[in-house]
PDB file of N, CA and C in Angstrom:
ATOM      1  N   MET A   1      56.057  16.282 -10.274  1.00  0.00           N
ATOM      2  CA  MET A   1      54.869  16.972 -10.723  1.00  0.00           C
ATOM      3  C   MET A   1      53.646  16.067 -10.719  1.00  0.00           C
ATOM      4  N   ARG A   2      53.843  14.804 -11.109  1.00  0.00           N
ATOM      5  CA  ARG A   2      52.708  13.873 -11.142  1.00  0.00           C
ATOM      6  C   ARG A   2      52.126  13.682  -9.755  1.00  0.00           C
ATOM      7  N   VAL A   3      52.986  13.646  -8.739  1.00  0.00           N
ATOM      8  CA  VAL A   3      52.524  13.453  -7.368  1.00  0.00           C
ATOM      9  C   VAL A   3      51.660  14.637  -6.944  1.00  0.00           C
ATOM     10  N   ILE A   4      52.073  15.829  -7.280  1.00  0.00           N
ATOM     11  CA  ILE A   4      51.305  17.029  -6.929  1.00  0.00           C
ATOM     12  C   ILE A   4      49.956  17.016  -7.644  1.00  0.00           C
ATOM     13  N   GLY A   5      49.934  16.627  -8.885  1.00  0.00           N
ATOM     14  CA  GLY A   5      48.677  16.545  -9.637  1.00  0.00           C
ATOM     15  C   GLY A   5      47.726  15.529  -9.033  1.00  0.00           C
ATOM     16  N   LYS A   6      48.258  14.371  -8.645  1.00  0.00           N
ATOM     17  CA  LYS A   6      47.422  13.334  -8.024  1.00  0.00           C
ATOM     18  C   LYS A   6      46.909  13.796  -6.667  1.00  0.00           C
ATOM     19  N   LEU A   7      47.782  14.468  -5.918  1.00  0.00           N
ATOM     20  CA  LEU A   7      47.382  14.978  -4.609  1.00  0.00           C
ATOM     21  C   LEU A   7      46.288  16.033  -4.759  1.00  0.00           C
ATOM     22  N   ARG A   8      46.438  16.911  -5.732  1.00  0.00           N
ATOM     23  CA  ARG A   8      45.441  17.945  -5.978  1.00  0.00           C
ATOM     24  C   ARG A   8      44.095  17.311  -6.359  1.00  0.00           C
ATOM     25  N   THR A   9      44.115  16.303  -7.209  1.00  0.00           N
ATOM     26  CA  THR A   9      42.890  15.603  -7.612  1.00  0.00           C
ATOM     27  C   THR A   9      42.229  14.933  -6.413  1.00  0.00           C
ATOM     28  N   ALA A  10      43.028  14.301  -5.561  1.00  0.00           N
ATOM     29  CA  ALA A  10      42.487  13.629  -4.372  1.00  0.00           C
ATOM     30  C   ALA A  10      41.855  14.641  -3.423  1.00  0.00           C
ATOM     31  N   LEU A  11      42.519  15.776  -3.216  1.00  0.00           N
ATOM     32  CA  LEU A  11      41.976  16.806  -2.330  1.00  0.00           C
ATOM     33  C   LEU A  11      40.693  17.407  -2.890  1.00  0.00           C
ATOM     34  N   LEU A  12      40.658  17.640  -4.185  1.00  0.00           N
ATOM     35  CA  LEU A  12      39.456  18.177  -4.816  1.00  0.00           C
ATOM     36  C   LEU A  12      38.299  17.189  -4.690  1.00  0.00           C
ATOM     37  N   SER A  13      38.568  15.915  -4.906  1.00  0.00           N
ATOM     38  CA  SER A  13      37.525  14.889  -4.767  1.00  0.00           C
ATOM     39  C   SER A  13      36.994  14.833  -3.341  1.00  0.00           C
ATOM     40  N   ALA A  14      37.900  14.918  -2.368  1.00  0.00           N
ATOM     41  CA  ALA A  14      37.489  14.895  -0.962  1.00  0.00           C
ATOM     42  C   ALA A  14      36.631  16.114  -0.631  1.00  0.00           C
ATOM     43  N   ALA A  15      37.014  17.280  -1.155  1.00  0.00           N
ATOM     44  CA  ALA A  15      36.241  18.501  -0.895  1.00  0.00           C
ATOM     45  C   ALA A  15      34.844  18.403  -1.488  1.00  0.00           C
ATOM     46  N   VAL A  16      34.733  17.877  -2.696  1.00  0.00           N
ATOM     47  CA  VAL A  16      33.418  17.719  -3.331  1.00  0.00           C
ATOM     48  C   VAL A  16      32.564  16.742  -2.530  1.00  0.00           C
ATOM     49  N   ALA A  17      33.141  15.617  -2.121  1.00  0.00           N
ATOM     50  CA  ALA A  17      32.392  14.623  -1.343  1.00  0.00           C
ATOM     51  C   ALA A  17      31.926  15.215  -0.017  1.00  0.00           C
ATOM     52  N   PHE A  18      32.794  15.978   0.647  1.00  0.00           N
ATOM     53  CA  PHE A  18      32.427  16.595   1.920  1.00  0.00           C
ATOM     54  C   PHE A  18      31.296  17.593   1.733  1.00  0.00           C
ATOM     55  N   SER A  19      31.381  18.426   0.704  1.00  0.00           N
ATOM     56  CA  SER A  19      30.334  19.434   0.497  1.00  0.00           C
ATOM     57  C   SER A  19      29.002  18.781   0.159  1.00  0.00           C
ATOM     58  N   MET A  20      29.016  17.684  -0.587  1.00  0.00           N
ATOM     59  CA  MET A  20      27.765  16.990  -0.909  1.00  0.00           C
ATOM     60  C   MET A  20      27.151  16.378   0.345  1.00  0.00           C
ATOM     61  N   THR A  21      27.982  15.844   1.236  1.00  0.00           N
ATOM     62  CA  THR A  21      27.493  15.278   2.489  1.00  0.00           C
ATOM     63  C   THR A  21      26.904  16.375   3.359  1.00  0.00           C
ATOM     64  N   ALA A  22      27.576  17.514   3.429  1.00  0.00           N
ATOM     65  CA  ALA A  22      27.081  18.625   4.243  1.00  0.00           C
ATOM     66  C   ALA A  22      25.750  19.132   3.725  1.00  0.00           C
ATOM     67  N   VAL A  23      25.603  19.244   2.416  1.00  0.00           N
ATOM     68  CA  VAL A  23      24.344  19.721   1.837  1.00  0.00           C
ATOM     69  C   VAL A  23      23.223  18.745   2.132  1.00  0.00           C
ATOM     70  N   SER A  24      23.463  17.455   1.986  1.00  0.00           N
ATOM     71  CA  SER A  24      22.402  16.481   2.238  1.00  0.00           C
ATOM     72  C   SER A  24      22.039  16.419   3.711  1.00  0.00           C
ATOM     73  N   ALA A  25      22.987  16.715   4.604  1.00  0.00           N
ATOM     74  CA  ALA A  25      22.692  16.704   6.035  1.00  0.00           C
ATOM     75  C   ALA A  25      21.726  17.824   6.398  1.00  0.00           C
ATOM     76  N   PHE A  26      21.753  18.912   5.629  1.00  0.00           N
ATOM     77  CA  PHE A  26      20.883  20.041   5.916  1.00  0.00           C
ATOM     78  C   PHE A  26      19.706  20.132   4.948  1.00  0.00           C
ATOM     79  N   ALA A  27      19.467  19.090   4.199  1.00  0.00           N
ATOM     80  CA  ALA A  27      18.337  19.085   3.266  1.00  0.00           C
ATOM     81  C   ALA A  27      17.038  19.167   4.054  1.00  0.00           C
ATOM     82  N   ALA A  28      16.108  19.919   3.541  1.00  0.00           N
ATOM     83  CA  ALA A  28      14.830  20.116   4.221  1.00  0.00           C
ATOM     84  C   ALA A  28      14.019  18.825   4.240  1.00  0.00           C
ATOM     85  N   SER A  29      13.361  18.599   5.355  1.00  0.00           N
ATOM     86  CA  SER A  29      12.454  17.463   5.481  1.00  0.00           C
ATOM     87  C   SER A  29      11.106  17.851   4.884  1.00  0.00           C
ATOM     88  N   GLU A  30      10.419  16.890   4.301  1.00  0.00           N
ATOM     89  CA  GLU A  30       9.086  17.169   3.763  1.00  0.00           C
ATOM     90  C   GLU A  30       8.107  17.546   4.873  1.00  0.00           C
ATOM     91  N   PHE A  31       8.471  17.262   6.130  1.00  0.00           N
ATOM     92  CA  PHE A  31       7.578  17.562   7.247  1.00  0.00           C
ATOM     93  C   PHE A  31       7.757  18.977   7.793  1.00  0.00           C
ATOM     94  N   GLU A  32       8.858  19.642   7.465  1.00  0.00           N
ATOM     95  CA  GLU A  32       9.053  21.019   7.923  1.00  0.00           C
ATOM     96  C   GLU A  32       7.953  21.898   7.363  1.00  0.00           C
ATOM     97  N   GLY A  33       7.444  22.789   8.203  1.00  0.00           N
ATOM     98  CA  GLY A  33       6.400  23.705   7.765  1.00  0.00           C
ATOM     99  C   GLY A  33       5.236  23.703   8.729  1.00  0.00           C
ATOM    100  N   THR A  34       4.120  24.233   8.282  1.00  0.00           N
ATOM    101  CA  THR A  34       2.927  24.375   9.117  1.00  0.00           C
ATOM    102  C   THR A  34       1.842  23.425   8.631  1.00  0.00           C
ATOM    103  N   TRP A  35       1.241  22.726   9.584  1.00  0.00           N
ATOM    104  CA  TRP A  35       0.227  21.705   9.310  1.00  0.00           C
ATOM    105  C   TRP A  35      -1.090  22.070   9.976  1.00  0.00           C
ATOM    106  N   LYS A  36      -2.182  21.963   9.246  1.00  0.00           N
ATOM    107  CA  LYS A  36      -3.523  22.176   9.785  1.00  0.00           C
ATOM    108  C   LYS A  36      -4.066  20.803  10.177  1.00  0.00           C
ATOM    109  N   VAL A  37      -4.472  20.680  11.455  1.00  0.00           N
ATOM    110  CA  VAL A  37      -4.985  19.419  11.996  1.00  0.00           C
ATOM    111  C   VAL A  37      -6.181  19.715  12.900  1.00  0.00           C
ATOM    112  N   LYS A  38      -6.762  18.676  13.498  1.00  0.00           N
ATOM    113  CA  LYS A  38      -7.869  18.855  14.447  1.00  0.00           C
ATOM    114  C   LYS A  38      -7.554  18.136  15.749  1.00  0.00           C
ATOM    115  N   ASP A  39      -8.064  18.708  16.855  1.00  0.00           N
ATOM    116  CA  ASP A  39      -7.855  18.095  18.165  1.00  0.00           C
ATOM    117  C   ASP A  39      -8.950  17.078  18.473  1.00  0.00           C
ATOM    118  N   THR A  40      -8.979  16.582  19.709  1.00  0.00           N
ATOM    119  CA  THR A  40      -9.952  15.553  20.090  1.00  0.00           C
ATOM    120  C   THR A  40     -11.388  16.057  20.053  1.00  0.00           C
ATOM    121  N   ALA A  41     -11.583  17.384  20.101  1.00  0.00           N
ATOM    122  CA  ALA A  41     -12.925  17.964  20.005  1.00  0.00           C
ATOM    123  C   ALA A  41     -13.231  18.426  18.578  1.00  0.00           C
ATOM    124  N   SER A  42     -12.428  18.001  17.625  1.00  0.00           N
ATOM    125  CA  SER A  42     -12.563  18.362  16.201  1.00  0.00           C
ATOM    126  C   SER A  42     -12.367  19.851  15.927  1.00  0.00           C
ATOM    127  N   LYS A  43     -11.646  20.547  16.825  1.00  0.00           N
ATOM    128  CA  LYS A  43     -11.333  21.962  16.609  1.00  0.00           C
ATOM    129  C   LYS A  43      -9.999  22.067  15.880  1.00  0.00           C
ATOM    130  N   ALA A  44      -9.992  22.867  14.805  1.00  0.00           N
ATOM    131  CA  ALA A  44      -8.789  23.031  13.991  1.00  0.00           C
ATOM    132  C   ALA A  44      -7.725  23.835  14.735  1.00  0.00           C
ATOM    133  N   PHE A  45      -6.474  23.445  14.533  1.00  0.00           N
ATOM    134  CA  PHE A  45      -5.332  24.215  15.009  1.00  0.00           C
ATOM    135  C   PHE A  45      -4.154  23.903  14.101  1.00  0.00           C
ATOM    136  N   GLU A  46      -3.056  24.636  14.287  1.00  0.00           N
ATOM    137  CA  GLU A  46      -1.889  24.449  13.437  1.00  0.00           C
ATOM    138  C   GLU A  46      -0.679  24.008  14.243  1.00  0.00           C
ATOM    139  N   ILE A  47       0.095  23.135  13.636  1.00  0.00           N
ATOM    140  CA  ILE A  47       1.368  22.674  14.188  1.00  0.00           C
ATOM    141  C   ILE A  47       2.456  23.158  13.241  1.00  0.00           C
ATOM    142  N   THR A  48       3.490  23.795  13.793  1.00  0.00           N
ATOM    143  CA  THR A  48       4.618  24.242  12.980  1.00  0.00           C
ATOM    144  C   THR A  48       5.861  23.460  13.381  1.00  0.00           C
ATOM    145  N   LEU A  49       6.485  22.833  12.386  1.00  0.00           N
ATOM    146  CA  LEU A  49       7.711  22.066  12.583  1.00  0.00           C
ATOM    147  C   LEU A  49       8.860  22.830  11.929  1.00  0.00           C
ATOM    148  N   ALA A  50       9.825  23.260  12.740  1.00  0.00           N
ATOM    149  CA  ALA A  50      10.945  24.065  12.246  1.00  0.00           C
ATOM    150  C   ALA A  50      12.142  23.184  11.888  1.00  0.00           C
ATOM    151  N   SER A  51      13.017  23.724  11.052  1.00  0.00           N
ATOM    152  CA  SER A  51      14.189  22.976  10.592  1.00  0.00           C
ATOM    153  C   SER A  51      15.168  22.658  11.718  1.00  0.00           C
ATOM    154  N   ASP A  52      15.105  23.407  12.829  1.00  0.00           N
ATOM    155  CA  ASP A  52      16.010  23.147  13.950  1.00  0.00           C
ATOM    156  C   ASP A  52      15.495  22.065  14.895  1.00  0.00           C
ATOM    157  N   GLY A  53      14.358  21.430  14.555  1.00  0.00           N
ATOM    158  CA  GLY A  53      13.812  20.363  15.389  1.00  0.00           C
ATOM    159  C   GLY A  53      12.821  20.837  16.434  1.00  0.00           C
ATOM    160  N   SER A  54      12.504  22.135  16.435  1.00  0.00           N
ATOM    161  CA  SER A  54      11.518  22.643  17.394  1.00  0.00           C
ATOM    162  C   SER A  54      10.119  22.561  16.789  1.00  0.00           C
ATOM    163  N   ALA A  55       9.136  22.474  17.684  1.00  0.00           N
ATOM    164  CA  ALA A  55       7.735  22.391  17.258  1.00  0.00           C
ATOM    165  C   ALA A  55       6.908  23.321  18.128  1.00  0.00           C
ATOM    166  N   LYS A  56       5.842  23.875  17.538  1.00  0.00           N
ATOM    167  CA  LYS A  56       4.901  24.685  18.315  1.00  0.00           C
ATOM    168  C   LYS A  56       3.516  24.495  17.720  1.00  0.00           C
ATOM    169  N   ALA A  57       2.512  24.726  18.556  1.00  0.00           N
ATOM    170  CA  ALA A  57       1.126  24.599  18.106  1.00  0.00           C
ATOM    171  C   ALA A  57       0.318  25.746  18.678  1.00  0.00           C
ATOM    172  N   ASN A  58      -0.716  26.163  17.944  1.00  0.00           N
ATOM    173  CA  ASN A  58      -1.559  27.279  18.380  1.00  0.00           C
ATOM    174  C   ASN A  58      -2.919  26.787  18.858  1.00  0.00           C
ATOM    175  N   ARG A  59      -2.954  25.616  19.474  1.00  0.00           N
ATOM    176  CA  ARG A  59      -4.204  25.062  19.989  1.00  0.00           C
ATOM    177  C   ARG A  59      -4.725  25.966  21.097  1.00  0.00           C
ATOM    178  N   ILE A  60      -6.005  26.331  21.025  1.00  0.00           N
ATOM    179  CA  ILE A  60      -6.599  27.263  21.987  1.00  0.00           C
ATOM    180  C   ILE A  60      -6.457  26.710  23.406  1.00  0.00           C
ATOM    181  N   GLY A  61      -5.940  27.564  24.302  1.00  0.00           N
ATOM    182  CA  GLY A  61      -5.793  27.187  25.695  1.00  0.00           C
ATOM    183  C   GLY A  61      -4.477  26.501  26.020  1.00  0.00           C
ATOM    184  N   ASP A  62      -3.732  26.079  25.007  1.00  0.00           N
ATOM    185  CA  ASP A  62      -2.453  25.403  25.230  1.00  0.00           C
ATOM    186  C   ASP A  62      -1.372  26.095  24.421  1.00  0.00           C
ATOM    187  N   GLY A  63      -0.354  26.587  25.102  1.00  0.00           N
ATOM    188  CA  GLY A  63       0.816  27.105  24.398  1.00  0.00           C
ATOM    189  C   GLY A  63       1.790  25.955  24.209  1.00  0.00           C
ATOM    190  N   MET A  64       1.452  25.061  23.303  1.00  0.00           N
ATOM    191  CA  MET A  64       2.231  23.836  23.151  1.00  0.00           C
ATOM    192  C   MET A  64       3.546  24.098  22.417  1.00  0.00           C
ATOM    193  N   THR A  65       4.627  23.622  23.018  1.00  0.00           N
ATOM    194  CA  THR A  65       5.941  23.644  22.389  1.00  0.00           C
ATOM    195  C   THR A  65       6.552  22.265  22.556  1.00  0.00           C
ATOM    196  N   GLY A  66       7.508  21.964  21.718  1.00  0.00           N
ATOM    197  CA  GLY A  66       8.155  20.666  21.821  1.00  0.00           C
ATOM    198  C   GLY A  66       9.262  20.511  20.806  1.00  0.00           C
ATOM    199  N   THR A  67       9.625  19.257  20.589  1.00  0.00           N
ATOM    200  CA  THR A  67      10.649  18.919  19.613  1.00  0.00           C
ATOM    201  C   THR A  67      10.105  17.844  18.687  1.00  0.00           C
ATOM    202  N   TRP A  68      10.710  17.746  17.504  1.00  0.00           N
ATOM    203  CA  TRP A  68      10.260  16.735  16.559  1.00  0.00           C
ATOM    204  C   TRP A  68      11.453  16.138  15.831  1.00  0.00           C
ATOM    205  N   LYS A  69      11.234  14.916  15.337  1.00  0.00           N
ATOM    206  CA  LYS A  69      12.238  14.268  14.504  1.00  0.00           C
ATOM    207  C   LYS A  69      11.529  13.376  13.502  1.00  0.00           C
ATOM    208  N   GLU A  70      12.181  13.189  12.373  1.00  0.00           N
ATOM    209  CA  GLU A  70      11.615  12.341  11.329  1.00  0.00           C
ATOM    210  C   GLU A  70      11.992  10.897  11.627  1.00  0.00           C
ATOM    211  N   GLU A  71      10.989  10.034  11.616  1.00  0.00           N
ATOM    212  CA  GLU A  71      11.199   8.602  11.824  1.00  0.00           C
ATOM    213  C   GLU A  71      10.489   7.861  10.702  1.00  0.00           C
ATOM    214  N   GLY A  72      11.258   7.388   9.736  1.00  0.00           N
ATOM    215  CA  GLY A  72      10.659   6.711   8.587  1.00  0.00           C
ATOM    216  C   GLY A  72       9.796   7.672   7.798  1.00  0.00           C
ATOM    217  N   SER A  73       8.543   7.311   7.596  1.00  0.00           N
ATOM    218  CA  SER A  73       7.625   8.173   6.835  1.00  0.00           C
ATOM    219  C   SER A  73       6.714   8.966   7.769  1.00  0.00           C
ATOM    220  N   ALA A  74       7.266   9.391   8.915  1.00  0.00           N
ATOM    221  CA  ALA A  74       6.477  10.156   9.885  1.00  0.00           C
ATOM    222  C   ALA A  74       7.354  11.166  10.618  1.00  0.00           C
ATOM    223  N   ALA A  75       6.705  12.234  11.088  1.00  0.00           N
ATOM    224  CA  ALA A  75       7.332  13.189  11.996  1.00  0.00           C
ATOM    225  C   ALA A  75       6.741  12.901  13.370  1.00  0.00           C
ATOM    226  N   VAL A  76       7.599  12.659  14.356  1.00  0.00           N
ATOM    227  CA  VAL A  76       7.142  12.370  15.713  1.00  0.00           C
ATOM    228  C   VAL A  76       7.459  13.582  16.582  1.00  0.00           C
ATOM    229  N   ILE A  77       6.411  14.142  17.191  1.00  0.00           N
ATOM    230  CA  ILE A  77       6.527  15.372  17.974  1.00  0.00           C
ATOM    231  C   ILE A  77       6.302  15.046  19.443  1.00  0.00           C
ATOM    232  N   THR A  78       7.244  15.448  20.283  1.00  0.00           N
ATOM    233  CA  THR A  78       7.124  15.281  21.730  1.00  0.00           C
ATOM    234  C   THR A  78       6.821  16.653  22.315  1.00  0.00           C
ATOM    235  N   TRP A  79       5.642  16.783  22.940  1.00  0.00           N
ATOM    236  CA  TRP A  79       5.170  18.076  23.442  1.00  0.00           C
ATOM    237  C   TRP A  79       5.520  18.283  24.908  1.00  0.00           C
ATOM    238  N   ASN A  80       5.554  19.560  25.326  1.00  0.00           N
ATOM    239  CA  ASN A  80       5.780  19.912  26.724  1.00  0.00           C
ATOM    240  C   ASN A  80       4.622  19.466  27.616  1.00  0.00           C
ATOM    241  N   THR A  81       3.512  19.075  27.030  1.00  0.00           N
ATOM    242  CA  THR A  81       2.347  18.592  27.783  1.00  0.00           C
ATOM    243  C   THR A  81       2.470  17.114  28.140  1.00  0.00           C
ATOM    244  N   GLY A  82       3.461  16.436  27.544  1.00  0.00           N
ATOM    245  CA  GLY A  82       3.615  15.001  27.753  1.00  0.00           C
ATOM    246  C   GLY A  82       2.997  14.171  26.641  1.00  0.00           C
ATOM    247  N   TRP A  83       2.120  14.787  25.842  1.00  0.00           N
ATOM    248  CA  TRP A  83       1.512  14.084  24.716  1.00  0.00           C
ATOM    249  C   TRP A  83       2.538  13.947  23.591  1.00  0.00           C
ATOM    250  N   THR A  84       2.272  13.012  22.695  1.00  0.00           N
ATOM    251  CA  THR A  84       3.087  12.824  21.494  1.00  0.00           C
ATOM    252  C   THR A  84       2.161  12.857  20.287  1.00  0.00           C
ATOM    253  N   THR A  85       2.589  13.538  19.244  1.00  0.00           N
ATOM    254  CA  THR A  85       1.830  13.602  17.993  1.00  0.00           C
ATOM    255  C   THR A  85       2.690  13.019  16.889  1.00  0.00           C
ATOM    256  N   LYS A  86       2.043  12.300  16.005  1.00  0.00           N
ATOM    257  CA  LYS A  86       2.746  11.741  14.854  1.00  0.00           C
ATOM    258  C   LYS A  86       2.011  12.186  13.594  1.00  0.00           C
ATOM    259  N   ILE A  87       2.737  12.788  12.664  1.00  0.00           N
ATOM    260  CA  ILE A  87       2.192  13.115  11.344  1.00  0.00           C
ATOM    261  C   ILE A  87       2.801  12.105  10.384  1.00  0.00           C
ATOM    262  N   SER A  88       1.944  11.252   9.833  1.00  0.00           N
ATOM    263  CA  SER A  88       2.398  10.145   8.991  1.00  0.00           C
ATOM    264  C   SER A  88       1.985  10.339   7.548  1.00  0.00           C
ATOM    265  N   LYS A  89       2.866   9.925   6.657  1.00  0.00           N
ATOM    266  CA  LYS A  89       2.554   9.972   5.229  1.00  0.00           C
ATOM    267  C   LYS A  89       2.078   8.595   4.800  1.00  0.00           C
ATOM    268  N   ASP A  90       0.949   8.578   4.080  1.00  0.00           N
ATOM    269  CA  ASP A  90       0.412   7.343   3.519  1.00  0.00           C
ATOM    270  C   ASP A  90       0.022   7.638   2.076  1.00  0.00           C
ATOM    271  N   GLY A  91       0.912   7.322   1.148  1.00  0.00           N
ATOM    272  CA  GLY A  91       0.664   7.677  -0.253  1.00  0.00           C
ATOM    273  C   GLY A  91       0.754   9.175  -0.434  1.00  0.00           C
ATOM    274  N   ASN A  92      -0.335   9.801  -0.923  1.00  0.00           N
ATOM    275  CA  ASN A  92      -0.381  11.258  -1.119  1.00  0.00           C
ATOM    276  C   ASN A  92      -0.983  11.972   0.079  1.00  0.00           C
ATOM    277  N   LYS A  93      -1.443  11.218   1.081  1.00  0.00           N
ATOM    278  CA  LYS A  93      -2.148  11.818   2.217  1.00  0.00           C
ATOM    279  C   LYS A  93      -1.292  11.784   3.479  1.00  0.00           C
ATOM    280  N   TYR A  94      -1.636  12.686   4.400  1.00  0.00           N
ATOM    281  CA  TYR A  94      -0.979  12.742   5.698  1.00  0.00           C
ATOM    282  C   TYR A  94      -2.045  12.633   6.787  1.00  0.00           C
ATOM    283  N   THR A  95      -1.683  11.966   7.878  1.00  0.00           N
ATOM    284  CA  THR A  95      -2.591  11.795   9.006  1.00  0.00           C
ATOM    285  C   THR A  95      -1.889  12.219  10.286  1.00  0.00           C
ATOM    286  N   LYS A  96      -2.623  12.937  11.141  1.00  0.00           N
ATOM    287  CA  LYS A  96      -2.126  13.284  12.468  1.00  0.00           C
ATOM    288  C   LYS A  96      -2.706  12.286  13.459  1.00  0.00           C
ATOM    289  N   SER A  97      -1.840  11.707  14.284  1.00  0.00           N
ATOM    290  CA  SER A  97      -2.274  10.807  15.352  1.00  0.00           C
ATOM    291  C   SER A  97      -1.739  11.365  16.662  1.00  0.00           C
ATOM    292  N   ALA A  98      -2.591  11.436  17.682  1.00  0.00           N
ATOM    293  CA  ALA A  98      -2.190  11.971  18.980  1.00  0.00           C
ATOM    294  C   ALA A  98      -2.234  10.866  20.029  1.00  0.00           C
ATOM    295  N   PHE A  99      -1.229  10.872  20.908  1.00  0.00           N
ATOM    296  CA  PHE A  99      -1.100   9.844  21.933  1.00  0.00           C
ATOM    297  C   PHE A  99      -0.942  10.509  23.299  1.00  0.00           C
ATOM    298  N   LYS A 100      -1.736  10.046  24.271  1.00  0.00           N
ATOM    299  CA  LYS A 100      -1.652  10.581  25.630  1.00  0.00           C
ATOM    300  C   LYS A 100      -0.274  10.303  26.223  1.00  0.00           C
ATOM    301  N   LYS A 101       0.054  11.067  27.255  1.00  0.00           N
ATOM    302  CA  LYS A 101       1.322  10.902  27.960  1.00  0.00           C
ATOM    303  C   LYS A 101       1.494   9.439  28.379  1.00  0.00           C
ATOM    304  N   GLY A 102       2.630   8.882  28.028  1.00  0.00           N
ATOM    305  CA  GLY A 102       2.942   7.511  28.415  1.00  0.00           C
ATOM    306  C   GLY A 102       2.473   6.435  27.450  1.00  0.00           C
ATOM    307  N   GLU A 103       1.653   6.804  26.469  1.00  0.00           N
ATOM    308  CA  GLU A 103       1.148   5.818  25.501  1.00  0.00           C
ATOM    309  C   GLU A 103       2.169   5.625  24.377  1.00  0.00           C
ATOM    310  N   PRO A 104       2.369   4.398  23.924  1.00  0.00           N
ATOM    311  CA  PRO A 104       3.335   4.159  22.842  1.00  0.00           C
ATOM    312  C   PRO A 104       2.808   4.663  21.493  1.00  0.00           C
ATOM    313  N   VAL A 105       3.696   5.239  20.681  1.00  0.00           N
ATOM    314  CA  VAL A 105       3.272   5.787  19.393  1.00  0.00           C
ATOM    315  C   VAL A 105       3.018   4.706  18.350  1.00  0.00           C
ATOM    316  N   ASP A 106       3.301   3.469  18.690  1.00  0.00           N
ATOM    317  CA  ASP A 106       2.963   2.386  17.761  1.00  0.00           C
ATOM    318  C   ASP A 106       1.680   1.677  18.195  1.00  0.00           C
ATOM    319  N   GLY A 107       1.025   2.234  19.225  1.00  0.00           N
ATOM    320  CA  GLY A 107      -0.245   1.683  19.698  1.00  0.00           C
ATOM    321  C   GLY A 107      -1.428   2.431  19.106  1.00  0.00           C
ATOM    322  N   LYS A 108      -2.593   2.252  19.742  1.00  0.00           N
ATOM    323  CA  LYS A 108      -3.810   2.918  19.268  1.00  0.00           C
ATOM    324  C   LYS A 108      -3.797   4.385  19.708  1.00  0.00           C
ATOM    325  N   PRO A 109      -3.956   5.318  18.751  1.00  0.00           N
ATOM    326  CA  PRO A 109      -3.954   6.738  19.112  1.00  0.00           C
ATOM    327  C   PRO A 109      -5.233   7.150  19.834  1.00  0.00           C
ATOM    328  N   THR A 110      -5.128   8.198  20.643  1.00  0.00           N
ATOM    329  CA  THR A 110      -6.281   8.777  21.323  1.00  0.00           C
ATOM    330  C   THR A 110      -7.163   9.508  20.324  1.00  0.00           C
ATOM    331  N   ASN A 111      -6.537  10.088  19.306  1.00  0.00           N
ATOM    332  CA  ASN A 111      -7.244  10.895  18.310  1.00  0.00           C
ATOM    333  C   ASN A 111      -6.484  10.855  16.995  1.00  0.00           C
ATOM    334  N   THR A 112      -7.226  10.907  15.897  1.00  0.00           N
ATOM    335  CA  THR A 112      -6.599  11.048  14.578  1.00  0.00           C
ATOM    336  C   THR A 112      -7.368  12.091  13.771  1.00  0.00           C
ATOM    337  N   SER A 113      -6.685  12.707  12.834  1.00  0.00           N
ATOM    338  CA  SER A 113      -7.334  13.633  11.903  1.00  0.00           C
ATOM    339  C   SER A 113      -6.486  13.702  10.639  1.00  0.00           C
ATOM    340  N   ILE A 114      -7.051  14.306   9.625  1.00  0.00           N
ATOM    341  CA  ILE A 114      -6.289  14.588   8.416  1.00  0.00           C
ATOM    342  C   ILE A 114      -5.277  15.675   8.762  1.00  0.00           C
ATOM    343  N   ALA A 115      -4.084  15.583   8.206  1.00  0.00           N
ATOM    344  CA  ALA A 115      -3.069  16.622   8.359  1.00  0.00           C
ATOM    345  C   ALA A 115      -2.823  17.230   6.983  1.00  0.00           C
ATOM    346  N   GLU A 116      -2.989  18.546   6.907  1.00  0.00           N
ATOM    347  CA  GLU A 116      -2.811  19.247   5.635  1.00  0.00           C
ATOM    348  C   GLU A 116      -1.694  20.269   5.778  1.00  0.00           C
ATOM    349  N   LYS A 117      -0.684  20.160   4.940  1.00  0.00           N
ATOM    350  CA  LYS A 117       0.415  21.119   4.983  1.00  0.00           C
ATOM    351  C   LYS A 117      -0.051  22.415   4.339  1.00  0.00           C
ATOM    352  N   VAL A 118       0.018  23.511   5.115  1.00  0.00           N
ATOM    353  CA  VAL A 118      -0.482  24.792   4.623  1.00  0.00           C
ATOM    354  C   VAL A 118       0.639  25.789   4.330  1.00  0.00           C
ATOM    355  N   LYS A 119       1.820  25.567   4.827  1.00  0.00           N
ATOM    356  CA  LYS A 119       2.975  26.457   4.572  1.00  0.00           C
ATOM    357  C   LYS A 119       4.233  25.626   4.495  1.00  0.00           C
TER     358      LYS A 119
END
């Protein structure tokens, strides 16, 4: 009987540990949602980052789609246009930085603006 009790305890502990790992793997990122930013001409548009890693933007003239991933304190978005956008957290503020195709995201951005989470 003691063996069965110990086995039951071990299985229950394993199940709890597995469920906690699964929940944390699907925990929402602070970057998921819709962000209001500005382009190189200072025109406002929105970027939406979905929980499945997809990204879209409603910038006039561009049906931008792409993928995103969280890297440290930033969301890095790779667009179908070849550009890369980074939304970075600095204290309580967020900044959008845009990089032309082929430019490194740790270099000087082509454009920056405030990023405001609206949804």
